[in-house]
Each structure stands twice: as structure tokens, then as C-alpha cells.
N, C-alpha and C. Protein backbone atom coordinates (compact mmCIF):
# COMPACT_ATOMS: atom_id res chain seq x y z
N MET A 1 182.48 35.61 -198.37
CA MET A 1 183.88 35.72 -198.01
C MET A 1 184.58 34.39 -198.29
N ALA A 2 185.71 34.49 -198.88
CA ALA A 2 186.50 33.30 -199.17
C ALA A 2 187.33 32.91 -197.95
N GLN A 3 187.64 31.65 -197.88
CA GLN A 3 188.51 31.16 -196.81
C GLN A 3 189.95 31.50 -197.17
N SER A 4 190.67 32.08 -196.26
CA SER A 4 192.08 32.38 -196.46
C SER A 4 192.87 31.57 -195.45
N PRO A 5 194.13 31.32 -195.74
CA PRO A 5 194.94 30.60 -194.76
C PRO A 5 195.00 31.38 -193.45
N GLY A 6 195.05 30.67 -192.35
CA GLY A 6 195.14 31.33 -191.05
C GLY A 6 193.78 31.73 -190.52
N SER A 7 193.77 32.81 -189.77
CA SER A 7 192.53 33.21 -189.10
C SER A 7 191.81 34.33 -189.82
N GLN A 8 192.13 34.57 -191.09
CA GLN A 8 191.49 35.66 -191.82
C GLN A 8 190.55 35.15 -192.90
N ALA A 9 189.44 35.87 -193.07
CA ALA A 9 188.53 35.64 -194.19
C ALA A 9 188.76 36.79 -195.17
N ARG A 10 188.57 36.50 -196.45
CA ARG A 10 188.84 37.50 -197.49
C ARG A 10 187.64 37.64 -198.40
N GLY A 11 187.39 38.87 -198.86
CA GLY A 11 186.28 39.11 -199.79
C GLY A 11 186.43 40.46 -200.46
N ASP A 12 185.38 40.87 -201.14
CA ASP A 12 185.37 42.17 -201.82
C ASP A 12 185.03 43.26 -200.81
N CYS A 13 185.63 44.42 -200.98
CA CYS A 13 185.37 45.55 -200.09
C CYS A 13 184.11 46.28 -200.55
N CYS A 14 183.11 46.34 -199.70
CA CYS A 14 181.87 47.04 -200.05
C CYS A 14 182.01 48.54 -199.85
N LEU A 15 183.13 48.99 -199.33
CA LEU A 15 183.36 50.42 -199.14
C LEU A 15 183.98 51.07 -200.38
N CYS A 16 184.88 50.33 -201.04
CA CYS A 16 185.54 50.90 -202.23
C CYS A 16 185.38 50.05 -203.48
N GLY A 17 184.91 48.83 -203.31
CA GLY A 17 184.72 47.95 -204.47
C GLY A 17 185.92 47.09 -204.80
N GLY A 18 186.97 47.15 -204.00
CA GLY A 18 188.17 46.35 -204.26
C GLY A 18 187.88 44.86 -204.20
N GLU A 19 188.07 44.18 -205.32
CA GLU A 19 187.78 42.75 -205.39
C GLU A 19 188.86 41.93 -204.70
N GLY A 20 188.45 41.17 -203.70
CA GLY A 20 189.37 40.30 -202.98
C GLY A 20 190.36 41.03 -202.09
N LYS A 21 190.09 42.27 -201.76
CA LYS A 21 191.04 43.08 -200.98
C LYS A 21 190.60 43.31 -199.53
N PHE A 22 189.44 42.79 -199.14
CA PHE A 22 188.89 43.02 -197.81
C PHE A 22 189.18 41.82 -196.92
N TYR A 23 189.85 42.04 -195.80
CA TYR A 23 190.24 40.96 -194.89
C TYR A 23 189.63 41.18 -193.51
N VAL A 24 189.15 40.11 -192.91
CA VAL A 24 188.58 40.17 -191.56
C VAL A 24 189.22 39.07 -190.72
N ASP A 25 189.71 39.44 -189.55
CA ASP A 25 190.23 38.46 -188.60
C ASP A 25 189.03 37.76 -187.96
N ARG A 26 188.95 36.46 -188.09
CA ARG A 26 187.80 35.70 -187.61
C ARG A 26 187.63 35.76 -186.10
N GLU A 27 188.70 35.89 -185.38
CA GLU A 27 188.62 35.88 -183.92
C GLU A 27 188.30 37.25 -183.34
N SER A 28 188.97 38.28 -183.82
CA SER A 28 188.81 39.61 -183.22
C SER A 28 187.76 40.46 -183.93
N GLY A 29 187.46 40.14 -185.19
CA GLY A 29 186.53 40.96 -185.96
C GLY A 29 187.18 42.19 -186.58
N LYS A 30 188.47 42.38 -186.35
CA LYS A 30 189.15 43.52 -186.95
C LYS A 30 189.27 43.29 -188.45
N TRP A 31 189.12 44.37 -189.20
CA TRP A 31 189.09 44.27 -190.64
C TRP A 31 189.99 45.30 -191.28
N GLU A 32 190.35 45.06 -192.55
CA GLU A 32 191.19 45.99 -193.29
C GLU A 32 190.99 45.76 -194.78
N CYS A 33 190.94 46.84 -195.53
CA CYS A 33 190.92 46.77 -196.98
C CYS A 33 192.32 47.12 -197.47
N LYS A 34 192.91 46.22 -198.20
CA LYS A 34 194.27 46.44 -198.71
C LYS A 34 194.30 47.43 -199.87
N LEU A 35 193.12 47.81 -200.40
CA LEU A 35 193.09 48.76 -201.50
C LEU A 35 192.86 50.18 -201.02
N CYS A 36 191.77 50.41 -200.27
CA CYS A 36 191.47 51.78 -199.83
C CYS A 36 192.14 52.14 -198.51
N GLY A 37 192.64 51.14 -197.79
CA GLY A 37 193.37 51.40 -196.55
C GLY A 37 192.50 51.58 -195.32
N ARG A 38 191.19 51.50 -195.47
CA ARG A 38 190.32 51.61 -194.30
C ARG A 38 190.47 50.37 -193.45
N SER A 39 190.31 50.56 -192.14
CA SER A 39 190.42 49.43 -191.22
C SER A 39 189.72 49.77 -189.92
N GLY A 40 189.52 48.77 -189.09
CA GLY A 40 188.91 49.02 -187.80
C GLY A 40 188.29 47.78 -187.20
N ASN A 41 187.36 48.01 -186.29
CA ASN A 41 186.66 46.93 -185.62
C ASN A 41 185.25 46.84 -186.20
N PRO A 42 184.43 45.89 -185.74
CA PRO A 42 183.08 45.76 -186.31
C PRO A 42 182.24 47.04 -186.23
N LEU A 43 182.36 47.79 -185.16
CA LEU A 43 181.58 49.01 -185.02
C LEU A 43 182.02 50.07 -186.05
N THR A 44 183.31 50.23 -186.24
CA THR A 44 183.77 51.21 -187.23
C THR A 44 183.37 50.79 -188.63
N PHE A 45 183.30 49.47 -188.88
CA PHE A 45 182.85 49.01 -190.19
C PHE A 45 181.41 49.42 -190.44
N VAL A 46 180.55 49.20 -189.47
CA VAL A 46 179.14 49.56 -189.63
C VAL A 46 178.99 51.06 -189.83
N ARG A 47 179.75 51.84 -189.09
CA ARG A 47 179.69 53.30 -189.24
C ARG A 47 180.12 53.73 -190.64
N GLN A 48 181.24 53.18 -191.11
CA GLN A 48 181.74 53.57 -192.44
C GLN A 48 180.81 53.08 -193.55
N LEU A 49 180.23 51.90 -193.38
CA LEU A 49 179.28 51.39 -194.36
C LEU A 49 178.06 52.30 -194.43
N TRP A 50 177.58 52.76 -193.27
CA TRP A 50 176.44 53.68 -193.24
C TRP A 50 176.79 54.97 -193.96
N GLU A 51 177.99 55.51 -193.69
CA GLU A 51 178.41 56.76 -194.35
C GLU A 51 178.44 56.61 -195.86
N VAL A 52 179.03 55.53 -196.34
CA VAL A 52 179.13 55.31 -197.79
C VAL A 52 177.73 55.15 -198.38
N SER A 53 176.86 54.40 -197.72
CA SER A 53 175.49 54.21 -198.19
C SER A 53 174.71 55.51 -198.17
N HIS A 54 174.87 56.28 -197.11
CA HIS A 54 174.16 57.54 -196.97
C HIS A 54 174.59 58.54 -198.04
N GLN A 55 175.90 58.63 -198.28
CA GLN A 55 176.41 59.54 -199.31
C GLN A 55 175.90 59.14 -200.69
N SER A 56 175.84 57.85 -200.93
CA SER A 56 175.38 57.35 -202.23
C SER A 56 173.93 57.73 -202.48
N THR A 57 173.08 57.57 -201.47
CA THR A 57 171.67 57.90 -201.66
C THR A 57 171.43 59.40 -201.65
N GLN A 58 172.26 60.17 -201.00
CA GLN A 58 172.11 61.62 -201.00
C GLN A 58 172.43 62.21 -202.37
N GLN A 59 173.33 61.58 -203.10
CA GLN A 59 173.74 62.10 -204.40
C GLN A 59 172.75 61.73 -205.50
N ARG A 60 171.87 60.78 -205.24
CA ARG A 60 170.94 60.32 -206.25
C ARG A 60 169.51 60.55 -205.79
N SER A 61 168.65 60.77 -206.72
CA SER A 61 167.25 60.96 -206.37
C SER A 61 166.58 59.61 -206.14
N TYR A 62 165.48 59.64 -205.42
CA TYR A 62 164.75 58.41 -205.18
C TYR A 62 164.18 57.86 -206.49
N GLU A 63 163.89 58.74 -207.44
CA GLU A 63 163.39 58.27 -208.73
C GLU A 63 164.44 57.44 -209.45
N GLU A 64 165.69 57.87 -209.37
CA GLU A 64 166.78 57.11 -209.99
C GLU A 64 166.89 55.73 -209.34
N LEU A 65 166.82 55.69 -208.01
CA LEU A 65 166.91 54.41 -207.31
C LEU A 65 165.72 53.52 -207.66
N PHE A 66 164.54 54.11 -207.79
CA PHE A 66 163.34 53.38 -208.16
C PHE A 66 163.53 52.69 -209.52
N ILE A 67 164.05 53.43 -210.47
CA ILE A 67 164.26 52.89 -211.82
C ILE A 67 165.35 51.81 -211.79
N GLU A 68 166.46 52.10 -211.12
CA GLU A 68 167.58 51.16 -211.09
C GLU A 68 167.21 49.84 -210.40
N ARG A 69 166.48 49.93 -209.31
CA ARG A 69 166.16 48.73 -208.52
C ARG A 69 164.85 48.07 -208.93
N ARG A 70 164.15 48.65 -209.90
CA ARG A 70 162.91 48.10 -210.42
C ARG A 70 161.91 47.80 -209.31
N LEU A 71 161.71 48.78 -208.45
CA LEU A 71 160.77 48.62 -207.36
C LEU A 71 159.35 48.65 -207.88
N MET A 72 158.44 48.05 -207.14
CA MET A 72 157.06 47.97 -207.58
C MET A 72 156.35 49.30 -207.53
N SER A 73 156.73 50.16 -206.58
CA SER A 73 156.15 51.49 -206.51
C SER A 73 157.20 52.47 -205.98
N LEU A 74 157.08 53.70 -206.36
CA LEU A 74 158.05 54.71 -205.95
C LEU A 74 158.06 54.89 -204.44
N GLU A 75 156.92 54.66 -203.79
CA GLU A 75 156.83 54.81 -202.33
C GLU A 75 157.67 53.76 -201.60
N THR A 76 157.96 52.64 -202.26
CA THR A 76 158.78 51.60 -201.66
C THR A 76 160.18 52.12 -201.49
């Protein structure tokens, strides 16, 4: 996360991929993506991150992930 003026940190949104569009208030932990419009507190962030990750792995087979991530064994 990059340092932004004031009490906000800025970085890329891992929910939509928006580069430099994700802002987090350092004191409260509240966050917002200026691109996809999602926002919330730390708990809602973890929930939404889990949903996005879960949907991503449900749409792809483990074999595809194995090949993409170059894992040592498919069981990993």
C-alpha cells in the first residue's frame, strides 16, 4: 500500500483489480474501492475477499491451478 496524504493508505484492489483505486482509513480500518464501489470494514473485506477467491477456484479445476501455480504435486 502506498502512503497517501492524510489518514488513508492506497493500493490496488484485490477484489476487482483496480490499480491504485483501493483506499483504507488507517485509524478506522474502513475501506473503499473507487473503481468497483465496494466498501466496508475489515470484516466485510475478509468476507468479500473469501467470496471472490471461492468463486475463482470454483470456476477452475484443480488441475488448471496446479499447472498455473507450478506446484510440486497435484495433491498440494
